[in-house]
Amino acid sequence: MKKFILIFASAIFILPFLNHRENLSLLEDNSLKTQIEDLEDLKRAYPKLNWNIDHKELNQLFSYFKMLDVDVYIFTNESFEDPRINGQYSPSRNRIYLNERIINNNRTISQFLRTIRHEGMHLAQDCRAGSIHNTRSKKIYSLEDVPEKYHQEVERMYEKRHWKLEKESFWASQTKDMTLKSLQYCFKKRR
């Protein structure tokens, strides 16, 4: 009986840490701010900000997310295990989580667009691996195509096992329409 109790207690302690296939954990219970389906939702949720960013690209990204049944949520900074994280694509839930701090003032509006591109690229990588209904991802571009600055940045920030996908996603975050083009893999798989 003591062994059973010890094993049960150990399992309760360890189980939350076994689901770290995704890079961070979210404390979803009380931290959800709002679901965002388009730019108008962002403007309503944060009316004091100057949404002076590429509306066409952003609207198209949201349109693709909606067609793929991928929800986008804004969470409080305290929701993220590591508050420095701007966002996460969850392949097991087909959701994009964004840290509210990336849109809490006018200086960070461009960071919002970079983050949504980055997480959208992870969605495209998920599609490249087969479909959005899996937990695998596959890079889309050759690593030789990724500019050197992204290699260096990612290698400083991430464990080696994440480098291939993150290098590509960092590149996409800084490159207009790259994520949109890459998301075409999602629609090819749905036909």
Protein backbone atom coordinates (compact mmCIF):
# COMPACT_ATOMS: atom_id res chain seq x y z
CA MET A 1 0.00 0.00 0.00
CA LYS A 2 2.85 2.39 0.84
CA LYS A 3 4.40 1.68 -2.58
CA PHE A 4 1.08 2.45 -4.29
CA ILE A 5 0.71 5.74 -2.39
CA LEU A 6 4.32 6.69 -3.20
CA ILE A 7 3.86 5.88 -6.91
CA PHE A 8 0.52 7.75 -7.01
CA ALA A 9 1.99 10.81 -5.26
CA SER A 10 5.01 10.77 -7.60
CA ALA A 11 2.75 10.57 -10.65
CA ILE A 12 0.70 13.55 -9.51
CA PHE A 13 3.89 15.58 -9.09
CA ILE A 14 5.56 14.47 -12.35
CA LEU A 15 2.62 14.40 -14.80
CA PRO A 16 2.38 18.17 -15.27
CA PHE A 17 6.03 18.21 -16.36
CA LEU A 18 5.72 15.41 -18.92
CA ASN A 19 3.72 17.51 -21.35
CA HIS A 20 6.64 19.75 -22.22
CA ARG A 21 6.57 18.75 -25.87
CA GLU A 22 5.39 22.31 -26.30
CA ASN A 23 7.89 24.90 -25.16
CA LEU A 24 5.90 26.44 -22.35
CA SER A 25 2.91 25.81 -20.21
CA LEU A 26 0.01 28.16 -19.84
CA LEU A 27 -2.09 28.60 -16.77
CA GLU A 28 -5.37 28.79 -18.69
CA ASP A 29 -7.77 28.73 -15.76
CA ASN A 30 -8.09 32.41 -14.91
CA SER A 31 -5.67 34.13 -17.22
CA LEU A 32 -7.47 34.26 -20.56
CA LYS A 33 -7.97 37.83 -21.65
CA THR A 34 -9.78 37.46 -24.95
CA GLN A 35 -10.10 35.46 -28.14
CA ILE A 36 -9.05 37.37 -31.25
CA GLU A 37 -10.53 36.45 -34.62
CA ASP A 38 -9.50 39.49 -36.65
CA LEU A 39 -8.04 42.98 -36.55
CA GLU A 40 -11.39 44.44 -35.48
CA ASP A 41 -11.31 42.27 -32.33
CA LEU A 42 -7.86 43.66 -31.54
CA LYS A 43 -9.04 47.22 -32.06
CA ARG A 44 -12.02 46.62 -29.76
CA ALA A 45 -9.90 44.96 -27.08
CA TYR A 46 -7.14 47.61 -27.21
CA PRO A 47 -8.85 50.78 -28.53
CA LYS A 48 -6.21 53.23 -27.31
CA LEU A 49 -3.46 51.74 -29.47
CA ASN A 50 -2.53 52.97 -32.92
CA TRP A 51 -2.96 49.89 -35.08
CA ASN A 52 -0.72 51.26 -37.80
CA ILE A 53 0.61 47.96 -39.17
CA ASP A 54 0.20 46.01 -42.39
CA HIS A 55 -3.54 45.37 -42.21
CA LYS A 56 -3.67 43.34 -45.41
CA GLU A 57 -1.13 40.77 -44.22
CA LEU A 58 -2.59 40.60 -40.71
CA ASN A 59 -6.15 40.22 -41.98
CA GLN A 60 -5.06 37.45 -44.35
CA LEU A 61 -3.28 35.62 -41.50
CA PHE A 62 -6.41 35.79 -39.35
CA SER A 63 -8.49 34.63 -42.31
CA TYR A 64 -6.24 31.59 -42.76
CA PHE A 65 -6.35 30.81 -39.05
CA LYS A 66 -10.15 30.93 -39.13
CA MET A 67 -10.36 28.67 -42.20
CA LEU A 68 -8.07 26.17 -40.46
CA ASP A 69 -10.03 26.31 -37.17
CA VAL A 70 -6.99 27.66 -35.33
CA ASP A 71 -8.01 29.97 -32.49
CA VAL A 72 -5.91 32.92 -31.34
CA TYR A 73 -5.99 33.94 -27.67
CA ILE A 74 -4.48 36.82 -25.75
CA PHE A 75 -3.27 35.91 -22.27
CA THR A 76 -1.88 37.99 -19.44
CA ASN A 77 1.88 38.02 -18.99
CA GLU A 78 1.47 36.04 -15.76
CA SER A 79 -0.10 33.20 -17.75
CA PHE A 80 3.19 32.18 -19.28
CA GLU A 81 5.63 30.02 -17.41
CA ASP A 82 8.40 32.26 -18.75
CA PRO A 83 7.08 35.86 -18.98
CA ARG A 84 9.69 36.72 -21.64
CA ILE A 85 7.83 34.52 -24.15
CA ASN A 86 5.75 36.46 -26.66
CA GLY A 87 3.64 33.61 -27.97
CA GLN A 88 3.19 29.92 -28.61
CA TYR A 89 1.57 27.73 -31.22
CA SER A 90 0.09 24.64 -29.60
CA PRO A 91 0.02 21.80 -32.17
CA SER A 92 -1.95 19.54 -29.85
CA ARG A 93 -4.74 22.13 -29.45
CA ASN A 94 -4.38 24.00 -32.76
CA ARG A 95 -4.25 27.30 -30.95
CA ILE A 96 -2.03 30.34 -30.95
CA TYR A 97 -1.42 31.96 -27.59
CA LEU A 98 -0.12 35.51 -27.43
CA ASN A 99 1.32 37.33 -24.45
CA GLU A 100 -0.58 40.55 -23.78
CA ARG A 101 2.65 42.44 -23.20
CA ILE A 102 3.33 42.45 -26.95
CA ILE A 103 0.34 44.72 -27.50
CA ASN A 104 0.20 46.75 -24.31
CA ASN A 105 1.55 49.96 -25.86
CA ASN A 106 2.21 51.55 -29.24
CA ARG A 107 5.89 50.59 -29.22
CA THR A 108 4.96 46.91 -29.32
CA ILE A 109 2.43 46.86 -32.17
CA SER A 110 5.12 45.79 -34.65
CA GLN A 111 6.12 43.06 -32.17
CA PHE A 112 2.57 41.77 -32.40
CA LEU A 113 2.84 41.33 -36.17
CA ARG A 114 6.25 39.63 -35.84
CA THR A 115 4.88 37.27 -33.19
CA ILE A 116 1.77 36.34 -35.15
CA ARG A 117 3.97 35.64 -38.20
CA HIS A 118 6.30 33.51 -36.06
CA GLU A 119 3.53 31.42 -34.51
CA GLY A 120 1.76 31.16 -37.87
CA MET A 121 4.96 29.72 -39.30
CA HIS A 122 4.89 27.02 -36.62
CA LEU A 123 1.35 26.24 -37.81
CA ALA A 124 2.66 25.95 -41.39
CA GLN A 125 5.43 23.62 -40.16
CA ASP A 126 2.76 21.50 -38.48
CA CYS A 127 0.90 21.29 -41.80
CA ARG A 128 4.13 20.43 -43.62
CA ALA A 129 4.48 17.39 -41.34
CA GLY A 130 1.12 16.02 -42.44
CA SER A 131 -1.77 18.07 -41.10
CA ILE A 132 -2.74 20.32 -38.22
CA HIS A 133 -4.19 17.32 -36.45
CA ASN A 134 -0.86 15.96 -35.25
CA THR A 135 1.91 17.03 -32.91
CA ARG A 136 4.75 16.81 -35.41
CA SER A 137 6.37 19.64 -37.31
CA LYS A 138 8.67 19.78 -40.31
CA LYS A 139 10.74 22.66 -41.64
CA ILE A 140 9.69 24.18 -44.94
CA TYR A 141 12.88 25.86 -46.16
CA SER A 142 16.45 24.67 -46.34
CA LEU A 143 18.52 25.82 -43.36
CA GLU A 144 21.08 27.16 -45.85
CA ASP A 145 18.44 29.67 -46.97
CA VAL A 146 17.98 31.07 -43.47
CA PRO A 147 20.04 34.26 -42.99
CA GLU A 148 22.96 33.87 -40.57
CA LYS A 149 21.63 36.37 -38.02
CA TYR A 150 18.69 34.05 -37.27
CA HIS A 151 20.99 31.08 -36.81
CA GLN A 152 22.95 33.00 -34.18
CA GLU A 153 19.89 34.42 -32.44
CA VAL A 154 18.13 31.06 -32.14
CA GLU A 155 21.25 29.21 -31.03
CA ARG A 156 21.62 31.66 -28.14
CA MET A 157 17.99 31.31 -27.06
CA TYR A 158 16.93 27.69 -27.62
CA GLU A 159 18.01 24.14 -26.97
CA LYS A 160 19.56 22.47 -30.02
CA ARG A 161 16.52 20.23 -30.60
CA HIS A 162 14.44 23.35 -31.43
CA TRP A 163 16.91 25.05 -33.76
CA LYS A 164 15.64 23.91 -37.16
CA LEU A 165 12.05 25.01 -36.66
CA GLU A 166 12.84 28.15 -34.67
CA LYS A 167 15.41 29.46 -37.17
CA GLU A 168 12.81 29.27 -39.90
CA SER A 169 10.13 30.87 -37.69
CA PHE A 170 12.41 33.73 -36.64
CA TRP A 171 13.17 34.40 -40.30
CA ALA A 172 9.45 34.35 -41.14
CA SER A 173 8.67 36.76 -38.30
CA GLN A 174 10.83 39.41 -39.98
CA THR A 175 9.82 38.70 -43.58
CA LYS A 176 6.62 40.13 -45.02
CA ASP A 177 4.21 37.50 -46.40
CA MET A 178 6.58 34.55 -45.81
CA THR A 179 4.19 33.00 -43.30
CA LEU A 180 1.23 33.54 -45.63
CA LYS A 181 3.04 31.71 -48.44
CA SER A 182 4.08 28.90 -46.10
CA LEU A 183 0.53 28.39 -44.83
CA GLN A 184 -0.39 27.14 -48.30
CA TYR A 185 0.79 23.72 -47.08
CA CYS A 186 -2.22 23.65 -44.79
CA PHE A 187 -4.65 24.08 -47.66
CA LYS A 188 -2.91 21.54 -49.89
CA LYS A 189 -3.41 18.91 -47.21
CA ARG A 190 -7.12 19.70 -46.82
CA ARG A 191 -8.06 19.09 -50.48
